[in-house]
């Protein structure tokens, strides 16, 4: 496909930058940590917010992620892509938080909407009715994703929003590529069923 070599080179360059920043952080360079946080905080915070549905908790967990990055930097070894290592930390914290919150059964869709609609798409030129329909569909999609089992939800978010390859998602979830594809297949079936009335509208 046209553009793939450039994309691969960009990914390689980005990972090399991350590894260099981690080496600097390991030497105590606070400026390097700030650069790394600025580079990855949006993806980390967005993924955590979509996984937990609670923006306040997401900010706390994102801070914990980067505290762990700081503490782990002196021992960091780039045996995999930096983002694989980073999102493995995200996965562990999110899954642990979900287990702690399971008994409470506290699900706030208002907070979930706040977390997942932090960035509104450009709707210039749309009628008020079209804007309402887009928002309704977006809310329904957010709720459908939030209802997925944790591994399926994480796989969908990493694939759809972070555009990660199957291999990297498999490493993050500590599973195989076929298992990731199976998770995504089941998740898409559930989402298609949940959003059927929107998809069928003409």
N, C-alpha and C. Protein backbone atom coordinates (compact mmCIF):
# COMPACT_ATOMS: atom_id res chain seq x y z
N UNK A 1 0.84 -1.19 0.00
CA UNK A 1 0.00 0.00 0.00
C UNK A 1 0.88 1.24 0.00
N UNK A 2 0.50 2.28 -0.80
CA UNK A 2 1.26 3.51 -0.81
C UNK A 2 1.28 4.13 0.58
N UNK A 3 2.44 4.62 0.97
CA UNK A 3 2.55 5.29 2.26
C UNK A 3 3.00 4.40 3.39
N UNK A 4 2.89 3.06 3.22
CA UNK A 4 3.25 2.17 4.31
C UNK A 4 4.72 2.26 4.70
N UNK A 5 5.68 2.32 3.73
CA UNK A 5 7.07 2.46 4.15
C UNK A 5 7.31 3.71 4.97
N UNK A 6 6.68 4.83 4.57
CA UNK A 6 6.84 6.06 5.34
C UNK A 6 6.26 5.90 6.74
N UNK A 7 5.08 5.24 6.82
CA UNK A 7 4.46 5.02 8.12
C UNK A 7 5.36 4.15 9.00
N UNK A 8 5.93 3.10 8.41
CA UNK A 8 6.81 2.22 9.18
C UNK A 8 8.04 2.97 9.66
N UNK A 9 8.59 3.83 8.80
CA UNK A 9 9.77 4.61 9.20
C UNK A 9 9.41 5.60 10.30
N UNK A 10 8.22 6.21 10.18
CA UNK A 10 7.78 7.15 11.22
C UNK A 10 7.63 6.44 12.56
N UNK A 11 7.06 5.22 12.52
CA UNK A 11 6.92 4.44 13.76
C UNK A 11 8.26 4.08 14.36
N UNK A 12 9.21 3.73 13.47
CA UNK A 12 10.56 3.39 13.94
C UNK A 12 11.23 4.60 14.57
N UNK A 13 11.10 5.75 13.91
CA UNK A 13 11.70 6.97 14.44
C UNK A 13 11.06 7.36 15.77
N UNK A 14 9.74 7.22 15.86
CA UNK A 14 9.04 7.56 17.09
C UNK A 14 9.48 6.66 18.23
N UNK A 15 9.63 5.37 17.94
CA UNK A 15 10.06 4.44 18.99
C UNK A 15 11.49 4.75 19.42
N UNK A 16 12.35 5.09 18.47
CA UNK A 16 13.73 5.43 18.82
C UNK A 16 13.76 6.67 19.72
N UNK A 17 12.88 7.63 19.43
CA UNK A 17 12.79 8.81 20.28
C UNK A 17 12.35 8.44 21.69
N UNK A 18 11.35 7.53 21.78
CA UNK A 18 10.87 7.09 23.09
C UNK A 18 11.98 6.41 23.89
N UNK A 19 12.74 5.54 23.21
CA UNK A 19 13.82 4.82 23.89
C UNK A 19 14.88 5.79 24.38
N UNK A 20 15.20 6.79 23.56
CA UNK A 20 16.18 7.80 23.97
C UNK A 20 15.68 8.60 25.17
N UNK A 21 14.40 8.94 25.16
CA UNK A 21 13.82 9.67 26.29
C UNK A 21 13.87 8.82 27.56
N UNK A 22 13.57 7.53 27.43
CA UNK A 22 13.61 6.66 28.61
C UNK A 22 15.02 6.56 29.17
N UNK A 23 16.01 6.53 28.28
CA UNK A 23 17.39 6.49 28.76
C UNK A 23 17.72 7.76 29.53
N UNK A 24 17.25 8.89 29.03
CA UNK A 24 17.49 10.16 29.72
C UNK A 24 16.75 10.20 31.05
N UNK A 25 15.50 9.70 31.06
CA UNK A 25 14.73 9.66 32.30
C UNK A 25 15.44 8.78 33.32
N UNK A 26 15.99 7.68 32.85
CA UNK A 26 16.72 6.79 33.75
C UNK A 26 17.91 7.45 34.40
N UNK A 27 18.42 8.50 33.75
CA UNK A 27 19.54 9.27 34.33
C UNK A 27 19.04 10.42 35.19
N UNK A 28 17.71 10.51 35.37
CA UNK A 28 17.15 11.54 36.23
C UNK A 28 16.74 12.81 35.52
N UNK A 29 16.61 12.76 34.21
CA UNK A 29 16.28 13.96 33.41
C UNK A 29 14.77 14.22 33.48
N UNK A 30 14.36 15.20 34.28
CA UNK A 30 12.93 15.52 34.43
C UNK A 30 12.36 16.11 33.16
N UNK A 31 13.15 16.84 32.39
CA UNK A 31 12.67 17.42 31.13
C UNK A 31 12.31 16.32 30.13
N UNK A 32 13.08 15.24 30.13
CA UNK A 32 12.78 14.12 29.25
C UNK A 32 11.46 13.47 29.64
N UNK A 33 11.20 13.39 30.94
CA UNK A 33 9.92 12.84 31.39
C UNK A 33 8.77 13.71 30.92
N UNK A 34 8.93 15.04 31.03
CA UNK A 34 7.88 15.93 30.56
C UNK A 34 7.62 15.74 29.06
N UNK A 35 8.68 15.58 28.30
CA UNK A 35 8.53 15.36 26.86
C UNK A 35 7.78 14.06 26.57
N UNK A 36 8.13 13.02 27.32
CA UNK A 36 7.48 11.72 27.11
C UNK A 36 6.01 11.80 27.50
N UNK A 37 5.71 12.45 28.61
CA UNK A 37 4.32 12.60 29.05
C UNK A 37 3.53 13.39 28.01
N UNK A 38 4.09 14.50 27.53
CA UNK A 38 3.39 15.31 26.54
C UNK A 38 3.11 14.50 25.27
N UNK A 39 4.01 13.64 24.91
CA UNK A 39 3.86 12.86 23.69
C UNK A 39 2.77 11.80 23.81
N UNK A 40 2.65 11.17 24.99
CA UNK A 40 1.77 10.01 25.12
C UNK A 40 0.57 10.21 26.04
N UNK A 41 0.47 11.35 26.72
CA UNK A 41 -0.58 11.48 27.71
C UNK A 41 -1.99 11.45 27.10
N UNK A 42 -2.15 11.98 25.89
CA UNK A 42 -3.48 11.99 25.29
C UNK A 42 -3.96 10.55 25.03
N UNK A 43 -3.09 9.73 24.45
CA UNK A 43 -3.47 8.34 24.17
C UNK A 43 -3.71 7.56 25.45
N UNK A 44 -2.85 7.76 26.44
CA UNK A 44 -3.00 7.05 27.71
C UNK A 44 -4.29 7.47 28.42
N UNK A 45 -4.49 8.78 28.54
CA UNK A 45 -5.69 9.27 29.23
C UNK A 45 -6.95 8.88 28.48
N UNK A 46 -6.93 8.99 27.15
CA UNK A 46 -8.11 8.63 26.37
C UNK A 46 -8.48 7.17 26.51
N UNK A 47 -7.48 6.29 26.47
CA UNK A 47 -7.75 4.86 26.61
C UNK A 47 -8.28 4.54 28.00
N UNK A 48 -7.68 5.11 29.03
CA UNK A 48 -8.14 4.85 30.39
C UNK A 48 -9.56 5.38 30.59
N UNK A 49 -9.83 6.58 30.06
CA UNK A 49 -11.17 7.16 30.21
C UNK A 49 -12.22 6.30 29.55
N UNK A 50 -11.91 5.78 28.36
CA UNK A 50 -12.88 4.93 27.65
C UNK A 50 -13.03 3.57 28.33
N UNK A 51 -11.97 3.11 28.99
CA UNK A 51 -12.05 1.83 29.70
C UNK A 51 -12.83 1.96 31.00
N UNK A 52 -12.63 3.06 31.73
CA UNK A 52 -13.26 3.20 33.04
C UNK A 52 -14.58 3.96 33.00
N UNK A 53 -14.73 4.87 32.02
CA UNK A 53 -15.92 5.70 31.93
C UNK A 53 -15.98 6.79 32.98
N UNK A 54 -14.86 7.04 33.68
CA UNK A 54 -14.85 8.05 34.73
C UNK A 54 -13.62 8.92 34.56
N UNK A 55 -13.83 10.18 34.17
CA UNK A 55 -12.70 11.04 33.81
C UNK A 55 -11.80 11.33 35.00
N UNK A 56 -12.38 11.50 36.21
CA UNK A 56 -11.54 11.78 37.38
C UNK A 56 -10.63 10.61 37.69
N UNK A 57 -11.19 9.40 37.66
CA UNK A 57 -10.37 8.21 37.89
C UNK A 57 -9.34 8.06 36.78
N UNK A 58 -9.71 8.40 35.56
CA UNK A 58 -8.79 8.28 34.43
C UNK A 58 -7.57 9.16 34.63
N UNK A 59 -7.78 10.38 35.11
CA UNK A 59 -6.65 11.29 35.35
C UNK A 59 -5.74 10.75 36.43
N UNK A 60 -6.33 10.18 37.48
CA UNK A 60 -5.52 9.60 38.57
C UNK A 60 -4.72 8.40 38.07
N UNK A 61 -5.37 7.54 37.29
CA UNK A 61 -4.68 6.35 36.78
C UNK A 61 -3.61 6.73 35.78
N UNK A 62 -3.87 7.73 34.94
CA UNK A 62 -2.86 8.17 33.98
C UNK A 62 -1.62 8.69 34.72
N UNK A 63 -1.86 9.41 35.81
CA UNK A 63 -0.73 9.89 36.61
C UNK A 63 0.06 8.72 37.18
N UNK A 64 -0.66 7.68 37.63
CA UNK A 64 0.02 6.49 38.14
C UNK A 64 0.85 5.81 37.07
N UNK A 65 0.33 5.80 35.84
CA UNK A 65 1.08 5.20 34.73
C UNK A 65 2.44 5.88 34.58
N UNK A 66 2.43 7.21 34.56
CA UNK A 66 3.69 7.92 34.31
C UNK A 66 4.59 7.93 35.54
N UNK A 67 4.02 7.78 36.74
CA UNK A 67 4.86 7.57 37.92
C UNK A 67 5.61 6.25 37.78
N UNK A 68 4.92 5.22 37.30
CA UNK A 68 5.57 3.92 37.10
C UNK A 68 6.63 4.01 36.02
N UNK A 69 6.36 4.79 34.97
CA UNK A 69 7.37 5.00 33.92
C UNK A 69 8.62 5.62 34.53
N UNK A 70 8.44 6.65 35.35
CA UNK A 70 9.57 7.34 35.99
C UNK A 70 10.37 6.38 36.87
N UNK A 71 9.67 5.61 37.69
CA UNK A 71 10.35 4.71 38.62
C UNK A 71 11.03 3.55 37.89
N UNK A 72 10.45 3.12 36.75
CA UNK A 72 10.98 1.97 36.03
C UNK A 72 12.09 2.35 35.06
N UNK A 73 12.25 3.63 34.78
CA UNK A 73 13.19 4.06 33.74
C UNK A 73 14.62 3.57 33.94
N UNK A 74 15.17 3.59 35.17
CA UNK A 74 16.56 3.11 35.32
C UNK A 74 16.74 1.64 34.95
N UNK A 75 15.66 0.85 35.02
CA UNK A 75 15.75 -0.58 34.71
C UNK A 75 15.16 -0.92 33.34
N UNK A 76 14.67 0.10 32.61
CA UNK A 76 13.97 -0.13 31.36
C UNK A 76 14.91 -0.73 30.31
N UNK A 77 14.44 -1.81 29.68
CA UNK A 77 15.16 -2.43 28.58
C UNK A 77 14.22 -2.49 27.37
N UNK A 78 14.61 -1.90 26.25
CA UNK A 78 13.71 -1.85 25.08
C UNK A 78 13.62 -3.17 24.33
N UNK A 79 13.05 -4.18 24.98
CA UNK A 79 12.90 -5.50 24.35
C UNK A 79 11.70 -5.55 23.41
N UNK A 80 10.80 -4.57 23.53
CA UNK A 80 9.64 -4.45 22.64
C UNK A 80 9.45 -2.97 22.36
N UNK A 81 8.48 -2.65 21.51
CA UNK A 81 8.18 -1.25 21.27
C UNK A 81 7.83 -0.56 22.59
N UNK A 82 8.22 0.69 22.71
CA UNK A 82 7.93 1.42 23.94
C UNK A 82 6.43 1.47 24.21
N UNK A 83 5.61 1.69 23.17
CA UNK A 83 4.17 1.79 23.38
C UNK A 83 3.60 0.46 23.87
N UNK A 84 4.20 -0.66 23.45
CA UNK A 84 3.75 -1.95 23.96
C UNK A 84 3.96 -2.02 25.47
N UNK A 85 5.15 -1.63 25.90
CA UNK A 85 5.47 -1.61 27.33
C UNK A 85 4.57 -0.63 28.06
N UNK A 86 4.38 0.55 27.51
CA UNK A 86 3.57 1.59 28.16
C UNK A 86 2.13 1.13 28.33
N UNK A 87 1.54 0.58 27.26
CA UNK A 87 0.13 0.20 27.34
C UNK A 87 -0.07 -1.11 28.12
N UNK A 88 1.00 -1.86 28.33
CA UNK A 88 0.89 -2.99 29.26
C UNK A 88 0.71 -2.47 30.68
N UNK A 89 1.40 -1.39 31.03
CA UNK A 89 1.18 -0.74 32.32
C UNK A 89 -0.26 -0.25 32.41
N UNK A 90 -0.73 0.38 31.34
CA UNK A 90 -2.12 0.87 31.31
C UNK A 90 -3.09 -0.29 31.53
N UNK A 91 -2.87 -1.38 30.82
CA UNK A 91 -3.76 -2.56 30.95
C UNK A 91 -3.79 -3.06 32.39
N UNK A 92 -2.62 -3.20 32.99
CA UNK A 92 -2.58 -3.74 34.36
C UNK A 92 -3.32 -2.83 35.34
N UNK A 93 -3.11 -1.53 35.25
CA UNK A 93 -3.77 -0.61 36.16
C UNK A 93 -5.28 -0.59 35.94
N UNK A 94 -5.69 -0.57 34.67
CA UNK A 94 -7.13 -0.52 34.36
C UNK A 94 -7.82 -1.79 34.82
N UNK A 95 -7.23 -2.94 34.53
CA UNK A 95 -7.87 -4.20 34.92
C UNK A 95 -7.91 -4.34 36.44
N UNK A 96 -6.86 -3.90 37.13
CA UNK A 96 -6.87 -3.94 38.59
C UNK A 96 -7.94 -3.02 39.16
N UNK A 97 -8.07 -1.83 38.57
CA UNK A 97 -9.08 -0.89 39.02
C UNK A 97 -10.48 -1.45 38.79
N UNK A 98 -10.68 -2.12 37.66
CA UNK A 98 -11.99 -2.70 37.36
C UNK A 98 -12.35 -3.78 38.37
N UNK A 99 -11.36 -4.57 38.79
CA UNK A 99 -11.64 -5.61 39.78
C UNK A 99 -12.01 -4.99 41.13
N UNK A 100 -11.36 -3.87 41.47
CA UNK A 100 -11.69 -3.20 42.73
C UNK A 100 -13.09 -2.58 42.68
N UNK A 101 -13.46 -2.07 41.52
CA UNK A 101 -14.75 -1.38 41.40
C UNK A 101 -15.90 -2.32 41.12
N UNK A 102 -15.61 -3.59 40.81
CA UNK A 102 -16.65 -4.52 40.37
C UNK A 102 -17.78 -4.64 41.40
N UNK A 103 -17.39 -4.73 42.68
CA UNK A 103 -18.40 -4.95 43.71
C UNK A 103 -19.30 -3.73 43.88
N UNK A 104 -18.79 -2.57 43.57
CA UNK A 104 -19.57 -1.34 43.77
C UNK A 104 -20.65 -1.17 42.71
N UNK A 105 -20.37 -1.68 41.49
CA UNK A 105 -21.33 -1.56 40.39
C UNK A 105 -21.76 -0.11 40.18
N UNK A 106 -20.80 0.80 40.23
CA UNK A 106 -21.11 2.21 40.05
C UNK A 106 -20.77 2.61 38.63
N UNK A 107 -21.79 2.74 37.80
CA UNK A 107 -21.59 3.12 36.41
C UNK A 107 -22.33 4.41 36.15
N UNK A 108 -21.61 5.47 35.87
CA UNK A 108 -22.23 6.77 35.60
C UNK A 108 -22.11 7.07 34.12
N UNK A 109 -23.23 7.02 33.39
CA UNK A 109 -23.18 7.29 31.97
C UNK A 109 -22.89 8.76 31.69
N UNK A 110 -23.29 9.66 32.62
CA UNK A 110 -22.95 11.06 32.44
C UNK A 110 -21.44 11.24 32.47
N UNK A 111 -20.79 10.60 33.43
CA UNK A 111 -19.34 10.70 33.53
C UNK A 111 -18.70 10.03 32.34
N UNK A 112 -19.30 8.91 31.90
CA UNK A 112 -18.75 8.22 30.74
C UNK A 112 -18.81 9.12 29.52
N UNK A 113 -19.93 9.82 29.36
CA UNK A 113 -20.06 10.72 28.22
C UNK A 113 -19.01 11.83 28.29
N UNK A 114 -18.77 12.34 29.51
CA UNK A 114 -17.76 13.37 29.67
C UNK A 114 -16.40 12.85 29.27
N UNK A 115 -16.12 11.58 29.65
CA UNK A 115 -14.81 11.02 29.35
C UNK A 115 -14.63 10.75 27.87
N UNK A 116 -15.67 10.29 27.20
CA UNK A 116 -15.52 9.86 25.82
C UNK A 116 -15.83 10.95 24.81
N UNK A 117 -16.39 12.07 25.26
CA UNK A 117 -16.68 13.16 24.34
C UNK A 117 -15.81 14.37 24.60
N UNK A 118 -14.60 14.14 25.12
CA UNK A 118 -13.72 15.25 25.40
C UNK A 118 -13.30 15.96 24.13
N UNK A 119 -13.33 15.24 23.01
CA UNK A 119 -13.00 15.85 21.73
C UNK A 119 -14.17 15.65 20.78
N UNK A 120 -14.84 16.73 20.43
CA UNK A 120 -15.97 16.65 19.52
C UNK A 120 -15.48 16.74 18.09
N UNK A 121 -16.05 15.92 17.18
CA UNK A 121 -15.65 16.03 15.77
C UNK A 121 -16.16 17.33 15.17
N UNK A 122 -15.53 17.74 14.07
CA UNK A 122 -15.94 18.95 13.37
C UNK A 122 -17.28 18.70 12.69
N UNK A 123 -18.28 19.46 13.08
CA UNK A 123 -19.61 19.27 12.51
C UNK A 123 -20.07 20.53 11.78
N UNK A 124 -19.12 21.28 11.28
CA UNK A 124 -19.44 22.49 10.53
C UNK A 124 -20.33 22.14 9.34
N UNK A 125 -21.41 22.89 9.19
CA UNK A 125 -22.29 22.68 8.05
C UNK A 125 -23.42 21.71 8.30
N UNK A 126 -23.43 21.03 9.45
CA UNK A 126 -24.50 20.10 9.74
C UNK A 126 -25.71 20.84 10.31
N UNK A 127 -26.89 20.31 10.04
CA UNK A 127 -28.11 20.89 10.61
C UNK A 127 -28.21 20.50 12.08
N UNK A 128 -29.02 21.21 12.87
CA UNK A 128 -29.20 20.82 14.27
C UNK A 128 -29.68 19.38 14.41
N UNK A 129 -30.55 18.94 13.51
CA UNK A 129 -31.05 17.57 13.57
C UNK A 129 -29.92 16.58 13.32
N UNK A 130 -29.04 16.89 12.36
CA UNK A 130 -27.92 15.99 12.08
C UNK A 130 -26.94 15.95 13.26
N UNK A 131 -26.73 17.11 13.88
CA UNK A 131 -25.84 17.15 15.05
C UNK A 131 -26.39 16.28 16.18
N UNK A 132 -27.71 16.38 16.42
CA UNK A 132 -28.33 15.57 17.46
C UNK A 132 -28.22 14.09 17.14
N UNK A 133 -28.41 13.73 15.87
CA UNK A 133 -28.32 12.33 15.47
C UNK A 133 -26.89 11.82 15.66
N UNK A 134 -25.90 12.63 15.28
CA UNK A 134 -24.51 12.22 15.45
C UNK A 134 -24.20 12.03 16.93
N UNK A 135 -24.68 12.94 17.77
CA UNK A 135 -24.42 12.83 19.20
C UNK A 135 -25.11 11.60 19.79
N UNK A 136 -26.32 11.34 19.35
CA UNK A 136 -27.05 10.17 19.84
C UNK A 136 -26.32 8.89 19.45
N UNK A 137 -25.86 8.84 18.20
CA UNK A 137 -25.13 7.66 17.74
C UNK A 137 -23.82 7.51 18.50
N UNK A 138 -23.13 8.64 18.73
CA UNK A 138 -21.87 8.59 19.46
C UNK A 138 -22.07 8.10 20.89
N UNK A 139 -23.14 8.61 21.54
CA UNK A 139 -23.45 8.16 22.90
C UNK A 139 -23.76 6.66 22.93
N UNK A 140 -24.53 6.21 21.94
CA UNK A 140 -24.88 4.79 21.87
C UNK A 140 -23.64 3.94 21.64
N UNK A 141 -22.74 4.42 20.79
CA UNK A 141 -21.50 3.67 20.53
C UNK A 141 -20.64 3.61 21.78
N UNK A 142 -20.52 4.74 22.50
CA UNK A 142 -19.76 4.76 23.74
C UNK A 142 -20.32 3.76 24.75
N UNK A 143 -21.66 3.76 24.89
CA UNK A 143 -22.30 2.85 25.84
C UNK A 143 -22.08 1.40 25.43
N UNK A 144 -22.14 1.13 24.12
CA UNK A 144 -21.95 -0.23 23.64
C UNK A 144 -20.52 -0.71 23.90
N UNK A 145 -19.56 0.17 23.65
CA UNK A 145 -18.16 -0.19 23.91
C UNK A 145 -17.95 -0.41 25.41
N UNK A 146 -18.55 0.45 26.24
CA UNK A 146 -18.40 0.33 27.69
C UNK A 146 -18.97 -0.98 28.22
N UNK A 147 -19.93 -1.56 27.50
CA UNK A 147 -20.57 -2.80 27.96
C UNK A 147 -19.77 -4.05 27.59
N UNK A 148 -18.75 -3.90 26.76
CA UNK A 148 -17.96 -5.05 26.34
C UNK A 148 -17.12 -5.59 27.51
N UNK A 149 -16.83 -6.88 27.54
CA UNK A 149 -15.88 -7.40 28.52
C UNK A 149 -14.54 -6.68 28.36
N UNK A 150 -13.79 -6.59 29.47
CA UNK A 150 -12.57 -5.79 29.47
C UNK A 150 -11.58 -6.12 28.36
N UNK A 151 -11.24 -7.40 28.13
CA UNK A 151 -10.26 -7.67 27.05
C UNK A 151 -10.77 -7.24 25.68
N UNK A 152 -12.07 -7.47 25.40
CA UNK A 152 -12.63 -7.03 24.13
C UNK A 152 -12.58 -5.52 24.02
N UNK A 153 -12.95 -4.83 25.10
CA UNK A 153 -12.97 -3.37 25.08
C UNK A 153 -11.57 -2.82 24.83
N UNK A 154 -10.57 -3.36 25.54
CA UNK A 154 -9.21 -2.90 25.35
C UNK A 154 -8.73 -3.15 23.94
N UNK A 155 -9.05 -4.32 23.39
CA UNK A 155 -8.64 -4.64 22.02
C UNK A 155 -9.26 -3.66 21.02
N UNK A 156 -10.55 -3.37 21.20
CA UNK A 156 -11.24 -2.44 20.31
C UNK A 156 -10.61 -1.05 20.40
N UNK A 157 -10.35 -0.57 21.61
CA UNK A 157 -9.81 0.77 21.78
C UNK A 157 -8.41 0.88 21.18
N UNK A 158 -7.57 -0.12 21.41
CA UNK A 158 -6.22 -0.07 20.88
C UNK A 158 -6.21 -0.17 19.36
N UNK A 159 -7.12 -0.97 18.82
CA UNK A 159 -7.17 -1.14 17.37
C UNK A 159 -7.83 0.06 16.70
N UNK A 160 -8.97 0.49 17.24
CA UNK A 160 -9.77 1.53 16.59
C UNK A 160 -9.22 2.94 16.83
N UNK A 161 -8.85 3.22 18.07
CA UNK A 161 -8.46 4.59 18.42
C UNK A 161 -6.95 4.81 18.38
N UNK A 162 -6.16 3.77 18.68
CA UNK A 162 -4.71 3.92 18.65
C UNK A 162 -4.09 3.30 17.41
N UNK A 163 -4.92 2.65 16.58
CA UNK A 163 -4.47 2.08 15.30
C UNK A 163 -3.28 1.15 15.48
N UNK A 164 -3.30 0.35 16.53
CA UNK A 164 -2.19 -0.57 16.79
C UNK A 164 -2.33 -1.84 15.95
N UNK A 165 -1.23 -2.42 15.51
CA UNK A 165 -1.29 -3.70 14.81
C UNK A 165 -1.68 -4.83 15.75
N UNK A 166 -2.18 -5.93 15.16
CA UNK A 166 -2.61 -7.06 15.98
C UNK A 166 -1.48 -7.56 16.88
N UNK A 167 -0.26 -7.57 16.34
CA UNK A 167 0.86 -8.13 17.09
C UNK A 167 1.11 -7.34 18.37
N UNK A 168 1.03 -6.02 18.28
CA UNK A 168 1.28 -5.20 19.47
C UNK A 168 0.15 -5.35 20.48
N UNK A 169 -1.09 -5.42 20.00
CA UNK A 169 -2.22 -5.63 20.90
C UNK A 169 -2.07 -6.98 21.62
N UNK A 170 -1.63 -7.99 20.88
CA UNK A 170 -1.43 -9.31 21.48
C UNK A 170 -0.40 -9.25 22.60
N UNK A 171 0.69 -8.52 22.37
CA UNK A 171 1.71 -8.38 23.41
C UNK A 171 1.16 -7.66 24.63
N UNK A 172 0.40 -6.59 24.40
CA UNK A 172 -0.15 -5.82 25.52
C UNK A 172 -1.12 -6.66 26.34
N UNK A 173 -1.95 -7.45 25.66
CA UNK A 173 -2.95 -8.27 26.35
C UNK A 173 -2.39 -9.63 26.78
N UNK A 174 -1.10 -9.87 26.48
CA UNK A 174 -0.45 -11.12 26.85
C UNK A 174 -1.20 -12.31 26.27
N UNK A 175 -1.47 -12.24 24.97
CA UNK A 175 -2.17 -13.31 24.28
C UNK A 175 -1.61 -13.46 22.87
N UNK A 176 -2.31 -14.17 22.02
CA UNK A 176 -1.83 -14.43 20.66
C UNK A 176 -2.58 -13.55 19.66
N UNK A 177 -2.01 -13.44 18.47
CA UNK A 177 -2.69 -12.70 17.40
C UNK A 177 -4.04 -13.32 17.06
N UNK A 178 -4.16 -14.65 16.90
CA UNK A 178 -5.49 -15.22 16.65
C UNK A 178 -6.48 -14.91 17.76
N UNK A 179 -6.00 -14.88 19.01
CA UNK A 179 -6.90 -14.57 20.12
C UNK A 179 -7.37 -13.12 20.04
N UNK A 180 -6.49 -12.21 19.65
CA UNK A 180 -6.88 -10.80 19.47
C UNK A 180 -7.93 -10.68 18.37
N UNK A 181 -7.71 -11.36 17.26
CA UNK A 181 -8.67 -11.32 16.16
C UNK A 181 -10.02 -11.89 16.61
N UNK A 182 -9.99 -12.92 17.44
CA UNK A 182 -11.23 -13.49 17.96
C UNK A 182 -11.93 -12.49 18.88
N UNK A 183 -11.17 -11.81 19.74
CA UNK A 183 -11.75 -10.79 20.62
C UNK A 183 -12.43 -9.70 19.79
N UNK A 184 -11.75 -9.24 18.75
CA UNK A 184 -12.30 -8.17 17.92
C UNK A 184 -13.52 -8.64 17.15
N UNK A 185 -13.50 -9.88 16.68
CA UNK A 185 -14.64 -10.43 15.95
C UNK A 185 -15.87 -10.47 16.84
N UNK A 186 -15.70 -10.97 18.08
CA UNK A 186 -16.83 -11.03 19.00
C UNK A 186 -17.31 -9.63 19.39
N UNK A 187 -16.36 -8.73 19.60
CA UNK A 187 -16.73 -7.37 19.98
C UNK A 187 -17.50 -6.69 18.86
N UNK A 188 -17.07 -6.87 17.62
CA UNK A 188 -17.77 -6.24 16.50
C UNK A 188 -19.17 -6.80 16.35
N UNK A 189 -19.33 -8.09 16.61
CA UNK A 189 -20.66 -8.68 16.56
C UNK A 189 -21.58 -8.08 17.61
N UNK A 190 -21.04 -7.91 18.82
CA UNK A 190 -21.83 -7.31 19.89
C UNK A 190 -22.19 -5.86 19.57
N UNK A 191 -21.22 -5.12 19.08
CA UNK A 191 -21.46 -3.71 18.74
C UNK A 191 -22.46 -3.59 17.60
N UNK A 192 -22.35 -4.47 16.62
CA UNK A 192 -23.29 -4.44 15.48
C UNK A 192 -24.71 -4.69 15.97
N UNK A 193 -24.85 -5.63 16.91
CA UNK A 193 -26.17 -5.92 17.46
C UNK A 193 -26.69 -4.75 18.29
N UNK A 194 -25.82 -4.14 19.09
CA UNK A 194 -26.23 -3.03 19.95
C UNK A 194 -26.62 -1.80 19.15
N UNK A 195 -25.94 -1.60 18.02
CA UNK A 195 -26.15 -0.39 17.23
C UNK A 195 -26.97 -0.66 15.98
N UNK A 196 -27.63 -1.81 15.97
CA UNK A 196 -28.34 -2.23 14.77
C UNK A 196 -29.34 -1.22 14.25
N UNK A 197 -30.08 -0.58 15.14
CA UNK A 197 -31.13 0.33 14.67
C UNK A 197 -30.54 1.56 13.99
N UNK A 198 -29.32 1.95 14.41
CA UNK A 198 -28.67 3.08 13.75
C UNK A 198 -28.11 2.66 12.40
N UNK A 199 -27.52 1.46 12.38
CA UNK A 199 -26.90 0.98 11.14
C UNK A 199 -27.95 0.69 10.07
N UNK A 200 -29.15 0.33 10.51
CA UNK A 200 -30.20 -0.01 9.55
C UNK A 200 -30.93 1.22 9.03
N UNK A 201 -30.81 2.35 9.76
CA UNK A 201 -31.48 3.59 9.31
C UNK A 201 -30.91 4.05 7.99
N UNK A 202 -31.76 4.47 7.12
CA UNK A 202 -31.32 4.99 5.81
C UNK A 202 -31.51 6.50 5.81
